[in-house]
Amino acid sequence: MWGRRRQRPGPSGVEELRARRREREAALRKARRQQQLVSKRHLWEGTAEEDGQGGAEPVGDSLPEDEVLELLRGLQRGSEDRSSSLCRLRQALRHKETQQTFVRLEGSVRSLVGLLTSSLGELQLGAARCLHELSCGQPPVPEACLPATPYLLTYLAGHSLELTELCLYTLGNLAVESQAVRRQLLRQGIIPVLASCIQSPHEAVLEGLGYVLSQLLQAEEAPTEIIPLVLSSGLPQQMLLLLQGGLGAGTAVELAWCLHYITCSHTANRELLALGALPALTELLLQLAADIPPEPPDGLELLVCPVLRCLSSLLAEPSGAEGQLRDHRLLVALFLLLQSLLPQQPFLVQEGLWLLNNLTAEESFFCSALLSLDLLPALLQLLPCSQMGSVLVLTVLCNVAHKGPAYCQQLHQQQLLPMLLPTLLLPDPGVVGQCLELLHLLFLHWPEAAADFARQDGHRALERHQGTPELQERARALLGALGAPLAAFSP
């Protein structure tokens, strides 16, 4: 599912292949946008000569059992061509049938573990590549790799960047398999090892670390068994520091999703707030908005989305975020990003509006900023984007109107009513119901709005909903509220 190969020579080829993997990542996250992202990643580490091809497809056909057995014997005999045997075995293990055949053979995985602990770096890498192929397989193949996990964890502190990266992605793939596997990794100290790895200066290591951690944090048992260990390890502090330090795109995406999965648990938000997560993530969002080009690069939404979600979740913490965030630049950055990404990534509108709702729900500061910065027209442009988007836009406007007469006066003066009339004609009861709530607040706090609404024949739009059970009570109440203004302005 995840294709990637390191080609030699030169870093440009590596970056091209990283970009290709991130394209697949983007497609997967888009397809599963409303769900957790648990998936396996395939790290193609061979050279073109080793792989025998340039793509990420299996080489040739799956091998019969006698040929697999012969490869295994070549590894066990200690012959001088063990490296080439490992390379051929790795290519063969790209077939699920060969994987199943291999793990059934007695001593097969034990032989790979023995070579993984070899003093020869070439044999170590070859064995690690074979184990990585097995970790990408379907159950019960990956479980056969469990005897190797202590060594995979040990080599995360090694000096070989290539081996470290292989071990990280193999561990990340194994973490998906079962709760029993994750508990074994936790007993073996995977969280402290990852806390040590995050000090690495290498982007590839940090990106792989983020992948492993994201797999663990999405587990069902994460809130009770994993997140407390992560918090005590110091990993969240380091992730927040790294996100402000100008990381590469892939690493920033991984770490941002890790923080998102922590906030989703609703068990550690107070701790994240105490670590300064709100200002740190706000600063990151400001940087993203300041650096956004006229044509945003593909994949930017993969970073913006978890940052928006983290901020929304932290702001929803009861009284935990009070007073921590009062920066009007956040609103400007939010609208800049939404306007830039809206044509290609309309789903981000909903994420941005959730954040805007949480910003304006309690704090009059952001309600005032929304009006004083003249951002109301940009907000109203999002009104017809989708059903949920329309509800959220109207909810944000209700948050503003709830603050009292001065705010309702400004909403009225900025020509809100003409935008609401078409909304009342929509067939969606959820959208119309929220629109009726907004009109109620406007009429309550600023009666001149009711008079203006009556002059615009607003009563006709309200009359349409007197027969809708879930709307008729509110529609009739608003029609009654229009009676006095109508009489007052009659000739």
Protein backbone atom coordinates (compact mmCIF):
# COMPACT_ATOMS: atom_id res chain seq x y z
CA MET A 1 0.00 0.00 0.00
CA TRP A 2 2.88 2.33 0.75
CA GLY A 3 5.58 2.46 -1.90
CA ARG A 4 8.98 3.94 -1.39
CA ARG A 5 12.50 3.12 -2.54
CA ARG A 6 15.75 4.84 -1.78
CA GLN A 7 17.64 5.27 -5.03
CA ARG A 8 21.29 6.04 -5.25
CA PRO A 9 23.02 8.34 -5.78
CA GLY A 10 21.91 11.74 -4.57
CA PRO A 11 19.25 13.16 -2.24
CA SER A 12 17.06 14.40 -5.09
CA GLY A 13 15.96 10.86 -5.92
CA VAL A 14 15.16 10.22 -2.27
CA GLU A 15 12.99 13.32 -2.06
CA GLU A 16 11.17 12.38 -5.25
CA LEU A 17 10.32 9.00 -3.81
CA ARG A 18 9.31 10.49 -0.48
CA ALA A 19 6.97 12.79 -2.38
CA ARG A 20 5.51 9.81 -4.21
CA ARG A 21 4.80 8.07 -0.90
CA ARG A 22 3.16 11.19 0.46
CA GLU A 23 0.89 11.30 -2.59
CA ARG A 24 -0.35 7.86 -1.65
CA GLU A 25 -0.65 9.01 1.94
CA ALA A 26 -2.76 11.95 0.82
CA ALA A 27 -5.10 9.70 -1.14
CA LEU A 28 -5.50 7.36 1.80
CA ARG A 29 -6.15 10.09 4.34
CA LYS A 30 -8.66 11.73 2.03
CA ALA A 31 -10.48 8.43 1.60
CA ARG A 32 -10.60 7.90 5.37
CA ARG A 33 -10.91 11.50 6.44
CA GLN A 34 -13.52 10.93 9.10
CA GLN A 35 -11.83 7.84 10.53
CA GLN A 36 -8.60 7.03 12.27
CA LEU A 37 -5.71 6.26 9.95
CA VAL A 38 -4.31 2.81 10.70
CA SER A 39 -2.39 1.42 7.78
CA LYS A 40 0.85 -0.30 6.92
CA ARG A 41 3.68 1.34 5.07
CA HIS A 42 6.09 -0.33 2.75
CA LEU A 43 9.60 1.07 2.80
CA TRP A 44 11.38 0.18 -0.43
CA GLU A 45 15.02 0.47 0.47
CA GLY A 46 16.81 -1.45 -2.26
CA THR A 47 18.76 0.01 -5.12
CA ALA A 48 17.53 -0.49 -8.65
CA GLU A 49 20.11 -3.24 -9.10
CA GLU A 50 19.01 -5.03 -5.92
CA ASP A 51 15.35 -4.82 -6.75
CA GLY A 52 15.78 -5.67 -10.38
CA GLN A 53 13.11 -3.15 -11.31
CA GLY A 54 12.13 0.46 -10.85
CA GLY A 55 8.62 0.05 -9.49
CA ALA A 56 7.11 -1.26 -6.30
CA GLU A 57 5.48 -4.41 -7.66
CA PRO A 58 6.53 -7.93 -6.70
CA VAL A 59 9.27 -9.43 -8.86
CA GLY A 60 8.22 -12.51 -10.85
CA ASP A 61 5.91 -15.18 -9.49
CA SER A 62 5.64 -16.53 -5.97
CA LEU A 63 8.11 -19.32 -5.25
CA PRO A 64 7.17 -22.93 -4.57
CA GLU A 65 8.02 -24.35 -1.18
CA ASP A 66 11.12 -26.24 -2.33
CA GLU A 67 12.72 -23.06 -3.68
CA VAL A 68 11.87 -21.13 -0.51
CA LEU A 69 13.41 -23.96 1.50
CA GLU A 70 16.54 -23.81 -0.63
CA LEU A 71 16.86 -20.06 0.02
CA LEU A 72 16.45 -20.69 3.74
CA ARG A 73 19.14 -23.35 3.70
CA GLY A 74 21.43 -20.92 1.92
CA LEU A 75 20.97 -18.53 4.84
CA GLN A 76 21.51 -21.24 7.42
CA ARG A 77 24.60 -22.81 5.85
CA GLY A 78 26.68 -19.72 6.42
CA SER A 79 27.82 -19.67 2.83
CA GLU A 80 29.52 -16.62 1.40
CA ASP A 81 26.55 -15.70 -0.78
CA ARG A 82 24.16 -15.06 2.12
CA SER A 83 23.76 -11.45 1.03
CA SER A 84 22.52 -12.44 -2.41
CA SER A 85 20.29 -15.10 -0.82
CA LEU A 86 18.79 -12.43 1.42
CA CYS A 87 18.19 -10.19 -1.59
CA ARG A 88 16.44 -12.99 -3.50
CA LEU A 89 14.42 -13.90 -0.42
CA ARG A 90 13.35 -10.30 0.05
CA GLN A 91 12.07 -10.12 -3.52
CA ALA A 92 10.22 -13.41 -3.05
CA LEU A 93 8.63 -12.20 0.21
CA ARG A 94 6.79 -9.49 -1.69
CA HIS A 95 4.29 -12.24 -2.54
CA LYS A 96 1.83 -13.11 0.19
CA GLU A 97 1.90 -16.78 -0.80
CA THR A 98 5.66 -16.91 -0.38
CA GLN A 99 5.39 -15.11 2.96
CA GLN A 100 3.02 -17.75 4.26
CA THR A 101 5.26 -20.52 2.98
CA PHE A 102 8.35 -18.99 4.58
CA VAL A 103 6.95 -18.50 8.08
CA ARG A 104 5.67 -22.09 8.10
CA LEU A 105 9.19 -23.45 7.61
CA GLU A 106 10.91 -24.46 10.82
CA GLY A 107 13.55 -22.01 11.97
CA SER A 108 12.84 -19.51 9.19
CA VAL A 109 12.27 -16.38 11.28
CA ARG A 110 14.87 -17.54 13.80
CA SER A 111 17.42 -17.57 10.99
CA LEU A 112 16.51 -14.00 10.02
CA VAL A 113 16.80 -12.88 13.64
CA GLY A 114 20.23 -14.51 13.80
CA LEU A 115 21.38 -12.57 10.75
CA LEU A 116 19.84 -9.39 12.15
CA THR A 117 22.19 -9.70 15.11
CA SER A 118 25.19 -10.30 12.86
CA SER A 119 28.27 -8.12 13.18
CA LEU A 120 28.20 -7.60 9.41
CA GLY A 121 26.19 -4.53 8.47
CA GLU A 122 25.23 -5.90 5.05
CA LEU A 123 23.67 -9.01 6.58
CA GLN A 124 21.89 -6.93 9.21
CA LEU A 125 20.29 -4.77 6.53
CA GLY A 126 19.34 -7.76 4.41
CA ALA A 127 17.65 -9.49 7.34
CA ALA A 128 15.91 -6.24 8.37
CA ARG A 129 14.55 -5.82 4.84
CA CYS A 130 13.14 -9.34 4.86
CA LEU A 131 11.50 -8.78 8.24
CA HIS A 132 10.06 -5.54 6.92
CA GLU A 133 8.48 -7.42 4.00
CA LEU A 134 6.93 -9.87 6.47
CA SER A 135 5.62 -7.03 8.65
CA CYS A 136 3.67 -5.72 5.65
CA GLY A 137 1.89 -9.05 5.19
CA GLN A 138 -1.53 -10.22 6.26
CA PRO A 139 -2.08 -12.00 9.59
CA PRO A 140 -0.75 -14.32 10.83
CA VAL A 141 2.48 -13.57 8.92
CA PRO A 142 3.52 -10.40 10.84
CA GLU A 143 3.14 -12.13 14.22
CA ALA A 144 5.97 -14.43 13.19
CA CYS A 145 8.30 -11.39 13.39
CA LEU A 146 7.71 -10.83 17.10
CA PRO A 147 10.93 -12.59 18.21
CA ALA A 148 12.79 -9.81 16.38
CA THR A 149 11.19 -6.88 18.22
CA PRO A 150 13.82 -6.60 21.01
CA TYR A 151 16.53 -6.26 18.37
CA LEU A 152 14.51 -3.86 16.24
CA LEU A 153 14.12 -1.63 19.28
CA THR A 154 17.81 -1.90 20.14
CA TYR A 155 18.91 -0.85 16.67
CA LEU A 156 16.88 2.37 16.89
CA ALA A 157 19.81 3.69 18.90
CA GLY A 158 22.34 2.52 16.31
CA HIS A 159 24.50 4.49 13.91
CA SER A 160 23.03 3.22 10.62
CA LEU A 161 20.37 5.60 9.37
CA GLU A 162 19.11 3.06 6.87
CA LEU A 163 18.75 0.33 9.50
CA THR A 164 17.10 2.71 11.97
CA GLU A 165 14.52 3.76 9.42
CA LEU A 166 13.81 0.14 8.46
CA CYS A 167 13.34 -0.82 12.10
CA LEU A 168 10.96 2.09 12.72
CA TYR A 169 8.62 1.26 9.86
CA THR A 170 8.72 -2.45 10.67
CA LEU A 171 7.74 -1.73 14.28
CA GLY A 172 5.00 0.61 13.08
CA ASN A 173 3.57 -2.13 10.87
CA LEU A 174 3.69 -4.67 13.70
CA ALA A 175 1.93 -2.27 16.09
CA VAL A 176 -1.20 -2.54 13.93
CA GLU A 177 -1.59 -6.27 14.40
CA SER A 178 -3.17 -6.66 17.84
CA GLN A 179 -3.40 -5.36 21.36
CA ALA A 180 -1.19 -8.24 22.48
CA VAL A 181 1.56 -7.11 20.09
CA ARG A 182 1.32 -3.52 21.30
CA ARG A 183 1.50 -4.62 24.92
CA GLN A 184 4.63 -6.63 24.14
CA LEU A 185 6.19 -3.55 22.55
CA LEU A 186 5.23 -1.45 25.56
CA ARG A 187 6.77 -3.99 27.95
CA GLN A 188 9.94 -3.92 25.87
CA GLY A 189 10.14 -0.14 26.30
CA ILE A 190 9.11 1.22 22.91
CA ILE A 191 7.97 4.59 24.32
CA PRO A 192 11.28 5.44 26.07
CA VAL A 193 13.15 4.32 22.94
CA LEU A 194 11.03 6.62 20.78
CA ALA A 195 11.64 9.45 23.26
CA SER A 196 15.35 8.93 22.65
CA CYS A 197 14.90 8.75 18.87
CA ILE A 198 13.15 12.11 18.75
CA GLN A 199 16.50 13.73 19.53
CA SER A 200 17.78 12.55 16.14
CA PRO A 201 18.87 15.24 13.67
CA HIS A 202 17.71 13.13 10.71
CA GLU A 203 14.35 13.91 9.12
CA ALA A 204 13.92 10.31 7.97
CA VAL A 205 14.19 9.05 11.55
CA LEU A 206 11.76 11.68 12.86
CA GLU A 207 9.23 10.89 10.16
CA GLY A 208 9.46 7.17 10.89
CA LEU A 209 9.12 7.85 14.61
CA GLY A 210 5.96 9.84 13.93
CA TYR A 211 4.57 6.91 11.96
CA VAL A 212 5.21 4.40 14.77
CA LEU A 213 3.76 6.72 17.39
CA SER A 214 0.65 7.48 15.33
CA GLN A 215 -0.04 3.74 14.99
CA LEU A 216 0.19 3.30 18.75
CA LEU A 217 -1.89 6.38 19.57
CA GLN A 218 -4.79 5.22 17.42
CA ALA A 219 -5.18 1.96 19.32
CA GLU A 220 -8.37 1.35 21.25
CA GLU A 221 -6.42 1.04 24.48
CA ALA A 222 -4.35 4.20 23.84
CA PRO A 223 -6.21 6.51 26.29
CA THR A 224 -5.56 4.22 29.26
CA GLU A 225 -2.37 2.33 28.39
CA ILE A 226 -0.33 4.34 25.89
CA ILE A 227 -1.05 8.06 26.20
CA PRO A 228 -0.04 8.20 29.91
CA LEU A 229 3.33 6.68 28.98
CA VAL A 230 3.72 9.13 26.11
CA LEU A 231 2.99 12.09 28.37
CA SER A 232 5.49 10.98 31.02
CA SER A 233 8.17 10.38 28.36
CA GLY A 234 8.36 14.02 27.31
CA LEU A 235 7.45 13.23 23.70
CA PRO A 236 4.63 15.84 23.44
CA GLN A 237 7.00 18.65 24.51
CA GLN A 238 9.51 17.59 21.89
CA MET A 239 6.86 17.29 19.18
CA LEU A 240 5.60 20.80 19.87
CA LEU A 241 9.15 22.18 19.74
CA LEU A 242 9.89 20.39 16.48
CA LEU A 243 6.68 21.60 14.84
CA GLN A 244 7.75 25.18 15.48
CA GLY A 245 11.26 24.57 14.16
CA GLY A 246 10.65 24.33 10.41
CA LEU A 247 10.42 20.58 9.86
CA GLY A 248 10.13 18.88 6.51
CA ALA A 249 6.59 18.35 5.28
CA GLY A 250 6.45 14.61 5.91
CA THR A 251 7.72 14.81 9.48
CA ALA A 252 5.46 17.74 10.37
CA VAL A 253 2.43 15.83 9.06
CA GLU A 254 3.25 12.76 11.14
CA LEU A 255 3.83 14.67 14.37
CA ALA A 256 0.72 16.83 13.89
CA TRP A 257 -1.45 13.73 13.49
CA CYS A 258 0.13 12.26 16.63
CA LEU A 259 -0.95 15.32 18.60
CA HIS A 260 -4.38 15.07 17.02
CA TYR A 261 -4.80 11.48 18.19
CA ILE A 262 -3.79 12.51 21.72
CA THR A 263 -6.37 15.31 21.79
CA CYS A 264 -9.02 12.95 20.39
CA SER A 265 -8.76 10.84 23.53
CA HIS A 266 -9.90 13.78 25.71
CA THR A 267 -7.70 12.40 28.49
CA ALA A 268 -4.60 14.55 28.14
CA ASN A 269 -5.79 17.94 26.92
CA ARG A 270 -5.15 19.66 30.23
CA GLU A 271 -1.57 18.40 30.14
CA LEU A 272 -1.12 19.62 26.56
CA LEU A 273 -2.52 23.03 27.49
CA ALA A 274 -0.05 23.21 30.38
CA LEU A 275 2.77 22.47 27.90
CA GLY A 276 1.78 25.48 25.78
CA ALA A 277 0.18 23.52 22.96
CA LEU A 278 -2.28 26.30 22.08
CA PRO A 279 0.31 29.03 21.38
CA ALA A 280 2.64 26.52 19.70
CA LEU A 281 -0.01 25.25 17.29
CA THR A 282 -1.27 28.78 16.71
CA GLU A 283 2.23 29.86 15.72
CA LEU A 284 2.45 26.91 13.33
CA LEU A 285 -0.85 27.87 11.70
CA LEU A 286 0.35 31.47 11.35
CA GLN A 287 3.54 30.25 9.65
CA LEU A 288 1.57 28.06 7.25
CA ALA A 289 -0.70 30.97 6.30
CA ALA A 290 2.23 33.38 5.90
CA ASP A 291 4.16 31.00 3.64
CA ILE A 292 1.29 29.76 1.50
CA PRO A 293 2.00 30.31 -2.23
CA PRO A 294 -0.63 31.40 -4.78
CA GLU A 295 -0.99 27.75 -5.78
CA PRO A 296 -0.81 25.67 -2.56
CA PRO A 297 1.28 22.50 -2.87
CA ASP A 298 -0.39 19.12 -2.84
CA GLY A 299 -0.47 17.65 0.62
CA LEU A 300 -0.61 20.92 2.56
CA GLU A 301 -4.09 20.00 3.74
CA LEU A 302 -2.62 16.93 5.47
CA LEU A 303 -0.80 19.26 7.86
CA VAL A 304 -3.47 21.96 8.14
CA CYS A 305 -6.21 19.44 9.00
CA PRO A 306 -4.69 17.94 12.19
CA VAL A 307 -3.53 21.37 13.39
CA LEU A 308 -7.09 22.72 13.06
CA ARG A 309 -8.48 19.68 14.84
CA CYS A 310 -5.97 19.93 17.68
CA LEU A 311 -6.78 23.58 18.27
CA SER A 312 -10.52 22.85 18.18
CA SER A 313 -10.20 20.01 20.68
CA LEU A 314 -8.03 22.01 23.05
CA LEU A 315 -10.38 24.99 22.94
CA ALA A 316 -13.30 22.69 23.74
CA GLU A 317 -11.68 21.71 27.04
CA PRO A 318 -13.99 23.10 29.78
CA SER A 319 -12.35 26.29 31.10
CA GLY A 320 -8.94 24.75 30.46
CA ALA A 321 -8.04 27.09 27.61
CA GLU A 322 -9.62 30.21 29.08
CA GLY A 323 -7.52 33.26 28.36
CA GLN A 324 -4.70 31.28 26.73
CA LEU A 325 -5.39 32.39 23.20
CA ARG A 326 -6.16 35.98 22.27
CA ASP A 327 -4.48 36.65 18.96
CA HIS A 328 -6.57 38.16 16.19
CA ARG A 329 -3.95 37.03 13.66
CA LEU A 330 -5.30 33.51 14.10
CA LEU A 331 -8.58 34.52 12.46
CA VAL A 332 -6.78 36.11 9.50
CA ALA A 333 -4.58 33.04 9.07
CA LEU A 334 -7.57 30.73 9.26
CA PHE A 335 -9.47 32.56 6.51
CA LEU A 336 -6.36 32.82 4.33
CA LEU A 337 -5.84 29.07 4.50
CA LEU A 338 -9.50 28.28 3.89
CA GLN A 339 -9.70 30.56 0.87
CA SER A 340 -6.50 29.14 -0.59
CA LEU A 341 -7.38 25.49 -0.05
CA LEU A 342 -11.15 25.65 -0.57
CA PRO A 343 -11.20 24.94 -4.34
CA GLN A 344 -9.25 21.69 -4.06
CA GLN A 345 -9.94 20.71 -0.42
CA PRO A 346 -13.52 21.69 0.46
CA PHE A 347 -13.53 19.35 3.48
CA LEU A 348 -11.21 21.80 5.27
CA VAL A 349 -14.03 24.34 5.49
CA GLN A 350 -15.77 22.18 8.06
CA GLU A 351 -12.54 21.76 10.05
CA GLY A 352 -11.91 25.51 10.00
CA LEU A 353 -15.47 26.34 10.98
CA TRP A 354 -15.34 23.96 13.95
CA LEU A 355 -12.31 25.88 15.15
CA LEU A 356 -14.01 29.22 14.52
CA ASN A 357 -17.05 28.01 16.45
CA ASN A 358 -14.91 27.05 19.44
CA LEU A 359 -13.07 30.37 19.28
CA THR A 360 -16.26 32.42 19.32
CA ALA A 361 -18.39 30.26 21.63
CA GLU A 362 -17.06 31.73 24.87
CA GLU A 363 -14.63 34.50 23.97
CA SER A 364 -16.08 37.88 22.99
CA PHE A 365 -12.52 38.78 21.89
CA PHE A 366 -12.79 36.70 18.73
CA CYS A 367 -16.38 37.81 18.10
CA SER A 368 -15.18 41.42 18.15
CA ALA A 369 -12.18 40.58 15.95
CA LEU A 370 -14.39 38.83 13.39
CA LEU A 371 -16.37 42.03 12.95
CA SER A 372 -13.62 44.63 13.35
CA LEU A 373 -11.33 42.87 10.86
CA ASP A 374 -14.17 42.84 8.31
CA LEU A 375 -14.11 39.05 8.05
CA LEU A 376 -17.89 38.69 8.01
CA PRO A 377 -18.11 38.76 4.17
CA ALA A 378 -15.52 35.98 3.98
CA LEU A 379 -17.51 33.95 6.52
CA LEU A 380 -20.77 34.45 4.63
CA GLN A 381 -19.12 33.24 1.43
CA LEU A 382 -18.82 29.85 3.11
CA LEU A 383 -22.56 29.71 3.85
CA PRO A 384 -23.53 27.64 0.77
CA CYS A 385 -20.50 25.29 0.83
CA SER A 386 -22.24 22.25 2.36
CA GLN A 387 -25.02 21.26 4.75
CA MET A 388 -22.70 20.96 7.75
CA GLY A 389 -20.74 24.02 6.63
CA SER A 390 -23.94 26.08 6.49
CA VAL A 391 -24.94 24.96 9.99
CA LEU A 392 -21.51 25.85 11.35
CA VAL A 393 -21.45 29.29 9.70
CA LEU A 394 -24.85 30.04 11.23
CA THR A 395 -23.65 28.69 14.58
CA VAL A 396 -20.68 31.05 14.55
CA LEU A 397 -23.02 33.94 13.75
CA CYS A 398 -25.23 32.86 16.66
CA ASN A 399 -22.17 32.95 18.92
CA VAL A 400 -21.58 36.54 17.85
CA ALA A 401 -25.22 37.58 18.18
CA HIS A 402 -25.44 35.98 21.63
CA LYS A 403 -22.93 38.52 22.92
CA GLY A 404 -25.59 41.23 22.96
CA PRO A 405 -27.02 44.36 21.31
CA ALA A 406 -23.73 45.92 20.18
CA TYR A 407 -22.78 42.79 18.26
CA CYS A 408 -26.26 42.38 16.76
CA GLN A 409 -26.17 46.01 15.65
CA GLN A 410 -22.91 45.42 13.80
CA LEU A 411 -24.25 42.24 12.19
CA HIS A 412 -27.28 44.16 11.00
CA GLN A 413 -25.20 47.07 9.71
CA GLN A 414 -22.98 44.69 7.75
CA GLN A 415 -25.98 43.53 5.73
CA LEU A 416 -26.47 40.10 7.24
CA LEU A 417 -30.22 39.87 6.64
CA PRO A 418 -30.11 39.76 2.81
CA MET A 419 -27.81 36.74 3.08
CA LEU A 420 -30.18 34.95 5.45
CA LEU A 421 -33.31 35.22 3.31
CA PRO A 422 -32.09 32.71 0.66
CA THR A 423 -31.03 30.37 3.47
CA LEU A 424 -34.61 30.29 4.78
CA LEU A 425 -35.72 28.94 1.41
CA LEU A 426 -33.51 25.86 1.66
CA PRO A 427 -35.19 22.47 2.15
CA ASP A 428 -32.80 21.37 4.93
CA PRO A 429 -34.49 21.63 8.38
CA GLY A 430 -31.13 21.66 10.18
CA VAL A 431 -29.86 24.68 8.28
CA VAL A 432 -33.17 26.51 8.46
CA GLY A 433 -33.51 25.78 12.18
CA GLN A 434 -30.12 27.34 12.90
CA CYS A 435 -31.06 30.32 10.76
CA LEU A 436 -34.24 30.77 12.80
CA GLU A 437 -32.16 30.70 15.99
CA LEU A 438 -29.94 33.45 14.61
CA LEU A 439 -32.95 35.58 13.66
CA HIS A 440 -34.37 35.14 17.17
CA LEU A 441 -31.15 36.50 18.70
CA LEU A 442 -31.02 39.41 16.26
CA PHE A 443 -34.64 40.39 16.88
CA LEU A 444 -34.22 40.02 20.64
CA HIS A 445 -31.12 42.18 20.97
CA TRP A 446 -31.66 44.59 18.06
CA PRO A 447 -35.36 45.19 17.21
CA GLU A 448 -34.37 47.36 14.23
CA ALA A 449 -33.29 44.12 12.55
CA ALA A 450 -36.84 42.78 12.89
CA ALA A 451 -38.23 45.93 11.28
CA ASP A 452 -35.78 45.66 8.41
CA PHE A 453 -36.58 41.96 7.99
CA ALA A 454 -40.27 42.78 7.77
CA ARG A 455 -39.66 45.41 5.10
CA GLN A 456 -37.81 42.76 3.05
CA ASP A 457 -40.91 40.49 3.14
CA GLY A 458 -39.15 38.13 5.50
CA HIS A 459 -42.51 36.99 6.86
CA ARG A 460 -43.17 35.19 3.57
CA ALA A 461 -40.04 33.08 4.05
CA LEU A 462 -41.08 32.28 7.63
CA GLU A 463 -44.59 31.29 6.61
CA ARG A 464 -43.15 28.48 4.48
CA HIS A 465 -42.07 26.64 7.65
CA GLN A 466 -45.27 26.84 9.69
CA GLY A 467 -46.17 23.37 8.52
CA THR A 468 -42.79 21.77 9.32
CA PRO A 469 -43.11 20.06 12.73
CA GLU A 470 -39.54 20.72 13.93
CA LEU A 471 -39.64 24.34 12.73
CA GLN A 472 -43.19 25.56 13.09
CA GLU A 473 -42.94 26.68 16.73
CA ARG A 474 -39.90 28.86 16.11
CA ALA A 475 -41.28 30.17 12.81
CA ARG A 476 -44.55 31.24 14.45
CA ALA A 477 -42.69 32.90 17.33
CA LEU A 478 -40.65 34.94 14.86
CA LEU A 479 -43.78 35.86 12.89
CA GLY A 480 -45.27 37.09 16.15
CA ALA A 481 -42.14 39.13 16.84
CA LEU A 482 -42.56 40.84 13.48
CA GLY A 483 -46.02 42.15 14.41
CA ALA A 484 -44.86 45.24 16.34
CA PRO A 485 -42.28 46.37 13.78
CA LEU A 486 -44.84 45.89 11.02
CA ALA A 487 -47.36 48.05 12.84
CA ALA A 488 -44.76 50.66 13.65
CA PHE A 489 -43.81 51.10 10.01
CA SER A 490 -47.31 50.94 8.53
CA PRO A 491 -48.48 54.14 6.75
